[in-house]
């Protein structure tokens, strides 16, 4: 089952997180009050999970930059959240 990135983002906000970090073979991580914490009861993410999330949230420019550098750090805003 692939990760639902929008649900993860909503959960991160509910937990008071300023950032959500997605890393292959790690549970999703959130930054709360400057400290990194694993999201409770979450399975480690697969490469497919992260690929799906990245493709859903990133712009064409961010995708091209990722292909060039093999890393990505970008922001995403959900209106009203």
C-alpha atoms as a PDB file:
ATOM      1  CA  UNK A   1       0.000   0.000   0.000  1.00  0.00           C
ATOM      2  CA  UNK A   2       1.457   3.330  -1.022  1.00  0.00           C
ATOM      3  CA  UNK A   3       1.594   6.218   1.421  1.00  0.00           C
ATOM      4  CA  UNK A   4      -1.105   8.918   1.322  1.00  0.00           C
ATOM      5  CA  UNK A   5       1.076  12.020   1.421  1.00  0.00           C
ATOM      6  CA  UNK A   6      -1.775  14.463   1.994  1.00  0.00           C
ATOM      7  CA  UNK A   7      -2.906  12.484   5.062  1.00  0.00           C
ATOM      8  CA  UNK A   8       0.686  12.501   6.337  1.00  0.00           C
ATOM      9  CA  UNK A   9       0.863  16.270   5.899  1.00  0.00           C
ATOM     10  CA  UNK A  10      -2.421  16.741   7.773  1.00  0.00           C
ATOM     11  CA  UNK A  11      -1.202  14.493  10.597  1.00  0.00           C
ATOM     12  CA  UNK A  12       2.091  16.389  10.779  1.00  0.00           C
ATOM     13  CA  UNK A  13       0.213  19.682  11.169  1.00  0.00           C
ATOM     14  CA  UNK A  14      -2.037  18.195  13.861  1.00  0.00           C
ATOM     15  CA  UNK A  15       1.105  17.135  15.747  1.00  0.00           C
ATOM     16  CA  UNK A  16       2.444  20.693  15.574  1.00  0.00           C
ATOM     17  CA  UNK A  17       5.237  19.859  13.137  1.00  0.00           C
ATOM     18  CA  UNK A  18       7.011  22.490  11.084  1.00  0.00           C
ATOM     19  CA  UNK A  19       8.513  19.940   8.662  1.00  0.00           C
ATOM     20  CA  UNK A  20       7.873  16.454   7.336  1.00  0.00           C
ATOM     21  CA  UNK A  21      10.899  14.404   6.233  1.00  0.00           C
ATOM     22  CA  UNK A  22      10.570  11.322   4.019  1.00  0.00           C
ATOM     23  CA  UNK A  23      13.478   8.892   3.802  1.00  0.00           C
ATOM     24  CA  UNK A  24      13.510   5.407   2.255  1.00  0.00           C
ATOM     25  CA  UNK A  25      13.502   2.617   4.878  1.00  0.00           C
ATOM     26  CA  UNK A  26      12.562   5.064   7.664  1.00  0.00           C
ATOM     27  CA  UNK A  27       9.223   5.939   9.206  1.00  0.00           C
ATOM     28  CA  UNK A  28       8.129   9.469   8.308  1.00  0.00           C
ATOM     29  CA  UNK A  29       9.874  12.036  10.509  1.00  0.00           C
ATOM     30  CA  UNK A  30       8.475  15.328  11.775  1.00  0.00           C
ATOM     31  CA  UNK A  31      10.236  18.338  13.234  1.00  0.00           C
ATOM     32  CA  UNK A  32       8.442  19.554  16.354  1.00  0.00           C
ATOM     33  CA  UNK A  33       9.943  22.439  18.334  1.00  0.00           C
ATOM     34  CA  UNK A  34      13.216  21.908  16.493  1.00  0.00           C
ATOM     35  CA  UNK A  35      13.473  18.197  17.354  1.00  0.00           C
ATOM     36  CA  UNK A  36      13.143  15.353  14.852  1.00  0.00           C
ATOM     37  CA  UNK A  37      10.652  12.666  15.889  1.00  0.00           C
ATOM     38  CA  UNK A  38       9.443   9.527  14.172  1.00  0.00           C
ATOM     39  CA  UNK A  39       5.716   9.495  13.441  1.00  0.00           C
ATOM     40  CA  UNK A  40       4.232   6.948  15.842  1.00  0.00           C
ATOM     41  CA  UNK A  41       2.882   3.661  14.447  1.00  0.00           C
ATOM     42  CA  UNK A  42       4.071   4.349  10.910  1.00  0.00           C
ATOM     43  CA  UNK A  43       5.738   1.742   8.756  1.00  0.00           C
ATOM     44  CA  UNK A  44       9.084   2.494   7.106  1.00  0.00           C
ATOM     45  CA  UNK A  45       8.653   4.149   3.726  1.00  0.00           C
ATOM     46  CA  UNK A  46       9.570   2.396   0.509  1.00  0.00           C
ATOM     47  CA  UNK A  47      11.162   3.995  -2.531  1.00  0.00           C
ATOM     48  CA  UNK A  48       7.763   3.669  -4.239  1.00  0.00           C
ATOM     49  CA  UNK A  49       6.086   5.604  -1.380  1.00  0.00           C
ATOM     50  CA  UNK A  50       8.527   8.470  -1.704  1.00  0.00           C
ATOM     51  CA  UNK A  51       8.421   8.470  -5.506  1.00  0.00           C
ATOM     52  CA  UNK A  52       4.620   8.709  -5.436  1.00  0.00           C
ATOM     53  CA  UNK A  53       4.664  11.498  -2.826  1.00  0.00           C
ATOM     54  CA  UNK A  54       7.330  13.453  -4.698  1.00  0.00           C
ATOM     55  CA  UNK A  55       5.504  13.182  -8.014  1.00  0.00           C
ATOM     56  CA  UNK A  56       2.231  14.255  -6.402  1.00  0.00           C
ATOM     57  CA  UNK A  57       3.645  17.351  -4.676  1.00  0.00           C
ATOM     58  CA  UNK A  58       6.556  18.622  -6.762  1.00  0.00           C
ATOM     59  CA  UNK A  59       6.572  20.968  -9.718  1.00  0.00           C
ATOM     60  CA  UNK A  60       8.133  20.120 -13.073  1.00  0.00           C
ATOM     61  CA  UNK A  61      11.084  22.381 -12.184  1.00  0.00           C
ATOM     62  CA  UNK A  62      11.639  20.512  -8.891  1.00  0.00           C
ATOM     63  CA  UNK A  63      11.504  17.176 -10.710  1.00  0.00           C
ATOM     64  CA  UNK A  64      14.146  18.318 -13.209  1.00  0.00           C
ATOM     65  CA  UNK A  65      16.356  19.631 -10.386  1.00  0.00           C
ATOM     66  CA  UNK A  66      16.016  16.318  -8.552  1.00  0.00           C
ATOM     67  CA  UNK A  67      17.084  14.389 -11.641  1.00  0.00           C
ATOM     68  CA  UNK A  68      20.131  16.647 -11.904  1.00  0.00           C
ATOM     69  CA  UNK A  69      21.225  16.568  -8.226  1.00  0.00           C
ATOM     70  CA  UNK A  70      19.514  13.418  -6.862  1.00  0.00           C
ATOM     71  CA  UNK A  71      18.230  15.330  -3.816  1.00  0.00           C
ATOM     72  CA  UNK A  72      15.294  17.573  -3.100  1.00  0.00           C
ATOM     73  CA  UNK A  73      14.262  20.056  -0.443  1.00  0.00           C
ATOM     74  CA  UNK A  74      11.086  21.983  -1.167  1.00  0.00           C
ATOM     75  CA  UNK A  75       8.054  23.422   0.543  1.00  0.00           C
ATOM     76  CA  UNK A  76       4.433  22.584  -0.074  1.00  0.00           C
ATOM     77  CA  UNK A  77       1.415  24.484   1.214  1.00  0.00           C
ATOM     78  CA  UNK A  78      -2.129  23.199   1.549  1.00  0.00           C
ATOM     79  CA  UNK A  79      -4.611  26.095   1.524  1.00  0.00           C
ATOM     80  CA  UNK A  80      -6.457  26.348   4.844  1.00  0.00           C
ATOM     81  CA  UNK A  81      -4.083  24.046   6.688  1.00  0.00           C
END
